[in-house]
């Protein structure tokens, strides 16, 4: 058994000795694993469609508990909605596997110091995306209440599932992606592209830019969601400055 394991390890070439074809074969294997994970997660979401739809519909029912039914206008809307939920759900649930396969593909070419930071960066990226998605889901009821009341009491709200889910899923995606902001800033500091001192000197402009970006990219366009996005982003900006100083200190001493 030991001899067999030893032979298998020797058969795996080092990154420097791998040819272009071997690199492409390794990349294909990683992509196949990621696609299989996406297909499995998407299939699970397709089968659990009723529970997922009820979960996404809960903010709407908290705002309008007596008439939170979603109305379809075409015979194929139900099928397309189920496929859309399966696609989005599979993409979100399989993203940790895709990140892991990407990390395994690039790890052999990284330096020892870079490998040390790779797993914390990936774990932080997944955690922050999940935190942003949860915050978007929690605040969506407040955004929907504002959007419902802004038109006045004479309007009766009747939502189609496609437009409703597009809004809540877009909000979740935007919050999740923008919560990767500190990971990007810390990575830029470790790469030497920008320093913590320079980021601190840009603090006033950063506040203005963060508020503008939050106002522009918030899909619902309501002030509550904008503030719910802008306030954490500025906190992440300050946190990234502190982390950049702490992580760069051992390298300069």
Protein backbone atom coordinates (compact mmCIF):
# COMPACT_ATOMS: atom_id res chain seq x y z
CA UNK A 1 0.00 0.00 0.00
CA UNK A 2 2.83 2.40 0.90
CA UNK A 3 4.60 1.60 -2.36
CA UNK A 4 1.44 2.27 -4.33
CA UNK A 5 0.90 5.60 -2.63
CA UNK A 6 4.53 6.51 -3.23
CA UNK A 7 4.22 5.72 -6.92
CA UNK A 8 1.07 7.80 -7.22
CA UNK A 9 2.76 10.79 -5.62
CA UNK A 10 5.78 10.52 -7.89
CA UNK A 11 3.51 10.35 -10.91
CA UNK A 12 2.13 13.81 -10.16
CA UNK A 13 4.51 16.31 -11.78
CA UNK A 14 5.49 19.58 -10.16
CA UNK A 15 3.97 22.79 -11.57
CA UNK A 16 7.31 23.77 -13.10
CA UNK A 17 7.59 20.43 -14.90
CA UNK A 18 4.00 20.34 -16.17
CA UNK A 19 3.41 20.96 -19.85
CA UNK A 20 0.66 23.14 -21.26
CA UNK A 21 -1.45 20.07 -22.00
CA UNK A 22 -1.04 18.84 -18.42
CA UNK A 23 -2.07 22.26 -17.07
CA UNK A 24 -5.15 22.25 -19.30
CA UNK A 25 -6.00 18.70 -18.20
CA UNK A 26 -5.74 19.74 -14.56
CA UNK A 27 -7.91 22.79 -15.23
CA UNK A 28 -10.49 20.64 -17.00
CA UNK A 29 -10.63 18.28 -14.03
CA UNK A 30 -11.20 21.18 -11.64
CA UNK A 31 -13.92 22.61 -13.89
CA UNK A 32 -15.66 19.24 -14.13
CA UNK A 33 -15.79 19.01 -10.32
CA UNK A 34 -17.20 22.55 -10.10
CA UNK A 35 -19.82 21.79 -12.78
CA UNK A 36 -20.85 18.58 -11.00
CA UNK A 37 -21.23 20.50 -7.74
CA UNK A 38 -23.34 23.12 -9.53
CA UNK A 39 -25.53 20.44 -11.11
CA UNK A 40 -26.02 18.65 -7.78
CA UNK A 41 -26.86 21.89 -5.93
CA UNK A 42 -29.15 23.04 -8.74
CA UNK A 43 -30.97 19.69 -8.75
CA UNK A 44 -31.47 19.93 -4.98
CA UNK A 45 -32.86 23.44 -5.34
CA UNK A 46 -35.14 22.26 -8.16
CA UNK A 47 -36.56 19.53 -5.91
CA UNK A 48 -36.85 21.89 -2.93
CA UNK A 49 -38.42 24.62 -5.06
CA UNK A 50 -41.55 24.96 -2.91
CA UNK A 51 -39.60 25.50 0.31
CA UNK A 52 -37.17 27.95 -1.32
CA UNK A 53 -40.00 29.95 -2.89
CA UNK A 54 -41.77 30.13 0.47
CA UNK A 55 -38.53 31.29 2.10
CA UNK A 56 -37.99 34.03 -0.48
CA UNK A 57 -41.65 35.03 -0.28
CA UNK A 58 -41.55 35.49 3.52
CA UNK A 59 -40.44 39.17 3.41
CA UNK A 60 -43.38 39.97 1.15
CA UNK A 61 -45.79 38.14 3.47
CA UNK A 62 -44.43 40.05 6.46
CA UNK A 63 -45.30 43.32 4.68
CA UNK A 64 -48.68 42.18 3.28
CA UNK A 65 -49.72 39.11 5.28
CA UNK A 66 -53.25 38.94 3.84
CA UNK A 67 -52.47 39.26 0.14
CA UNK A 68 -48.91 38.10 -0.50
CA UNK A 69 -49.78 35.79 -3.37
CA UNK A 70 -47.61 36.00 -6.48
CA UNK A 71 -49.51 35.98 -9.78
CA UNK A 72 -48.32 34.36 -13.01
CA UNK A 73 -49.59 35.46 -16.43
CA UNK A 74 -48.35 32.65 -18.67
CA UNK A 75 -48.48 28.83 -18.66
CA UNK A 76 -44.68 28.53 -18.75
CA UNK A 77 -44.01 30.99 -15.94
CA UNK A 78 -44.06 28.30 -13.26
CA UNK A 79 -41.48 26.17 -15.06
CA UNK A 80 -39.20 29.10 -15.87
CA UNK A 81 -39.43 30.28 -12.26
CA UNK A 82 -38.45 26.85 -10.97
CA UNK A 83 -35.50 26.70 -13.36
CA UNK A 84 -34.42 30.22 -12.34
CA UNK A 85 -34.45 29.31 -8.66
CA UNK A 86 -32.52 26.12 -9.40
CA UNK A 87 -29.93 28.09 -11.36
CA UNK A 88 -29.42 30.82 -8.78
CA UNK A 89 -29.48 28.35 -5.90
CA UNK A 90 -27.03 26.02 -7.58
CA UNK A 91 -24.67 28.89 -8.32
CA UNK A 92 -24.71 30.17 -4.75
CA UNK A 93 -24.51 26.79 -3.01
CA UNK A 94 -21.75 25.44 -5.26
CA UNK A 95 -19.60 28.59 -5.07
CA UNK A 96 -17.52 27.30 -2.10
CA UNK A 97 -16.66 24.17 -4.10
CA UNK A 98 -15.71 26.29 -7.12
CA UNK A 99 -13.50 28.51 -4.95
CA UNK A 100 -11.88 25.44 -3.40
CA UNK A 101 -11.12 23.92 -6.80
CA UNK A 102 -9.71 27.25 -7.99
CA UNK A 103 -7.49 27.43 -4.92
CA UNK A 104 -6.27 23.85 -5.46
CA UNK A 105 -5.44 24.73 -9.07
CA UNK A 106 -3.36 27.81 -8.24
CA UNK A 107 -1.82 26.58 -4.97
CA UNK A 108 1.15 24.70 -6.51
CA UNK A 109 2.33 27.92 -8.16
CA UNK A 110 2.10 30.04 -5.03
CA UNK A 111 4.91 30.95 -2.69
CA UNK A 112 4.89 29.68 0.90
CA UNK A 113 3.80 33.08 2.23
CA UNK A 114 1.01 33.29 -0.35
CA UNK A 115 -0.22 29.79 0.51
CA UNK A 116 -0.45 30.81 4.15
CA UNK A 117 -2.92 33.57 3.27
CA UNK A 118 -4.90 31.62 0.65
CA UNK A 119 -7.22 29.65 2.95
CA UNK A 120 -8.02 32.59 5.28
CA UNK A 121 -8.79 34.72 2.24
CA UNK A 122 -11.11 32.10 0.77
CA UNK A 123 -12.83 31.47 4.10
CA UNK A 124 -13.27 35.22 4.60
CA UNK A 125 -14.69 35.62 1.08
CA UNK A 126 -17.29 32.88 1.60
CA UNK A 127 -18.21 34.14 5.08
CA UNK A 128 -18.56 37.77 3.96
CA UNK A 129 -20.68 36.81 0.95
CA UNK A 130 -22.99 34.82 3.23
CA UNK A 131 -23.17 37.74 5.68
CA UNK A 132 -24.07 40.13 2.88
CA UNK A 133 -26.75 37.77 1.58
CA UNK A 134 -28.27 37.42 5.05
CA UNK A 135 -28.28 41.19 5.56
CA UNK A 136 -29.99 41.69 2.20
CA UNK A 137 -32.68 39.16 3.07
CA UNK A 138 -33.28 40.70 6.50
CA UNK A 139 -33.52 44.26 5.19
CA UNK A 140 -35.61 43.39 2.14
CA UNK A 141 -38.87 43.56 4.10
CA UNK A 142 -38.10 47.16 5.11
CA UNK A 143 -37.20 48.04 1.52
CA UNK A 144 -40.39 46.43 0.24
CA UNK A 145 -42.47 48.29 2.82
CA UNK A 146 -40.96 51.57 1.65
CA UNK A 147 -41.54 50.74 -2.01
CA UNK A 148 -45.12 49.72 -1.28
CA UNK A 149 -45.95 52.91 0.61
CA UNK A 150 -44.17 55.34 -1.74
CA UNK A 151 -46.89 54.97 -4.39
CA UNK A 152 -49.70 55.93 -2.02
CA UNK A 153 -52.67 54.04 -0.58
CA UNK A 154 -54.68 54.08 -3.82
CA UNK A 155 -52.36 51.54 -5.49
CA UNK A 156 -52.94 47.84 -5.01
CA UNK A 157 -49.74 45.82 -5.18
CA UNK A 158 -49.89 42.68 -7.35
CA UNK A 159 -46.45 41.18 -7.94
CA UNK A 160 -45.38 38.66 -10.54
CA UNK A 161 -42.98 36.01 -9.20
CA UNK A 162 -40.40 36.75 -11.90
CA UNK A 163 -40.02 40.43 -11.06
CA UNK A 164 -40.26 39.86 -7.33
CA UNK A 165 -37.60 37.16 -7.28
CA UNK A 166 -35.39 39.13 -9.66
CA UNK A 167 -35.40 42.02 -7.19
CA UNK A 168 -34.71 40.01 -4.05
CA UNK A 169 -32.08 37.83 -5.74
CA UNK A 170 -30.38 40.89 -7.25
CA UNK A 171 -30.32 42.51 -3.81
CA UNK A 172 -28.81 39.37 -2.27
CA UNK A 173 -26.20 39.15 -5.04
CA UNK A 174 -25.26 42.84 -4.79
CA UNK A 175 -24.90 42.72 -1.01
CA UNK A 176 -22.92 39.48 -1.16
CA UNK A 177 -20.48 40.74 -3.80
CA UNK A 178 -19.96 44.16 -2.22
CA UNK A 179 -19.21 42.51 1.12
CA UNK A 180 -16.05 41.16 -0.57
CA UNK A 181 -14.78 44.77 -0.38
CA UNK A 182 -12.43 44.24 2.61
CA UNK A 183 -10.94 41.09 1.07
CA UNK A 184 -10.02 43.07 -2.04
CA UNK A 185 -8.56 45.97 -0.05
CA UNK A 186 -6.46 43.71 2.20
CA UNK A 187 -5.25 41.79 -0.85
CA UNK A 188 -4.18 45.02 -2.54
CA UNK A 189 -2.26 46.03 0.56
CA UNK A 190 -0.49 42.67 0.79
CA UNK A 191 0.39 42.91 -2.90
CA UNK A 192 1.90 46.35 -2.34
CA UNK A 193 -0.51 48.09 -4.71
CA UNK A 194 -1.72 50.46 -2.00
CA UNK A 195 -0.67 51.08 1.60
CA UNK A 196 -2.72 51.40 4.77
CA UNK A 197 -1.43 54.95 5.20
CA UNK A 198 -2.66 55.87 1.73
CA UNK A 199 -6.09 54.36 2.40
CA UNK A 200 -6.30 56.31 5.66
CA UNK A 201 -5.51 59.54 3.79
CA UNK A 202 -8.35 58.76 1.35
CA UNK A 203 -10.88 58.33 4.18
CA UNK A 204 -13.04 61.40 3.41
CA UNK A 205 -13.24 60.62 -0.29
CA UNK A 206 -13.94 56.99 0.54
CA UNK A 207 -17.01 57.95 2.58
CA UNK A 208 -18.45 59.98 -0.30
CA UNK A 209 -17.64 57.31 -2.88
CA UNK A 210 -19.10 54.50 -0.76
CA UNK A 211 -22.39 56.38 -0.33
CA UNK A 212 -22.59 57.13 -4.06
CA UNK A 213 -21.82 53.55 -5.06
CA UNK A 214 -24.34 52.18 -2.54
CA UNK A 215 -27.01 54.51 -3.93
CA UNK A 216 -26.26 53.51 -7.52
CA UNK A 217 -25.96 49.72 -7.19
CA UNK A 218 -28.80 49.11 -4.72
CA UNK A 219 -31.46 47.42 -6.92
CA UNK A 220 -34.44 48.51 -4.84
CA UNK A 221 -33.37 52.17 -4.79
CA UNK A 222 -34.75 52.77 -1.30
CA UNK A 223 -32.76 54.74 1.30
CA UNK A 224 -32.99 51.99 3.91
CA UNK A 225 -31.18 49.45 1.74
CA UNK A 226 -28.67 52.08 0.67
CA UNK A 227 -27.74 52.85 4.29
CA UNK A 228 -27.75 49.15 5.18
CA UNK A 229 -25.12 48.68 2.48
CA UNK A 230 -23.10 51.88 2.93
CA UNK A 231 -22.59 51.67 6.70
CA UNK A 232 -21.02 48.17 6.70
CA UNK A 233 -18.89 49.07 3.66
CA UNK A 234 -17.35 52.00 5.49
CA UNK A 235 -16.79 49.79 8.53
CA UNK A 236 -15.05 47.30 6.25
CA UNK A 237 -12.91 50.12 4.87
CA UNK A 238 -11.64 50.99 8.35
CA UNK A 239 -11.21 47.32 9.25
CA UNK A 240 -9.17 46.66 6.11
CA UNK A 241 -6.79 49.47 7.07
CA UNK A 242 -6.20 47.89 10.49
CA UNK A 243 -5.78 44.40 9.00
CA UNK A 244 -3.40 45.73 6.36
CA UNK A 245 -1.19 47.30 9.02
CA UNK A 246 -1.23 44.13 11.12
CA UNK A 247 -0.43 41.79 8.22
CA UNK A 248 2.28 43.97 6.69
CA UNK A 249 4.11 44.55 9.96
CA UNK A 250 5.94 41.15 10.14
CA UNK A 251 7.14 41.53 6.52
CA UNK A 252 8.75 44.94 7.20
CA UNK A 253 10.35 44.08 10.53
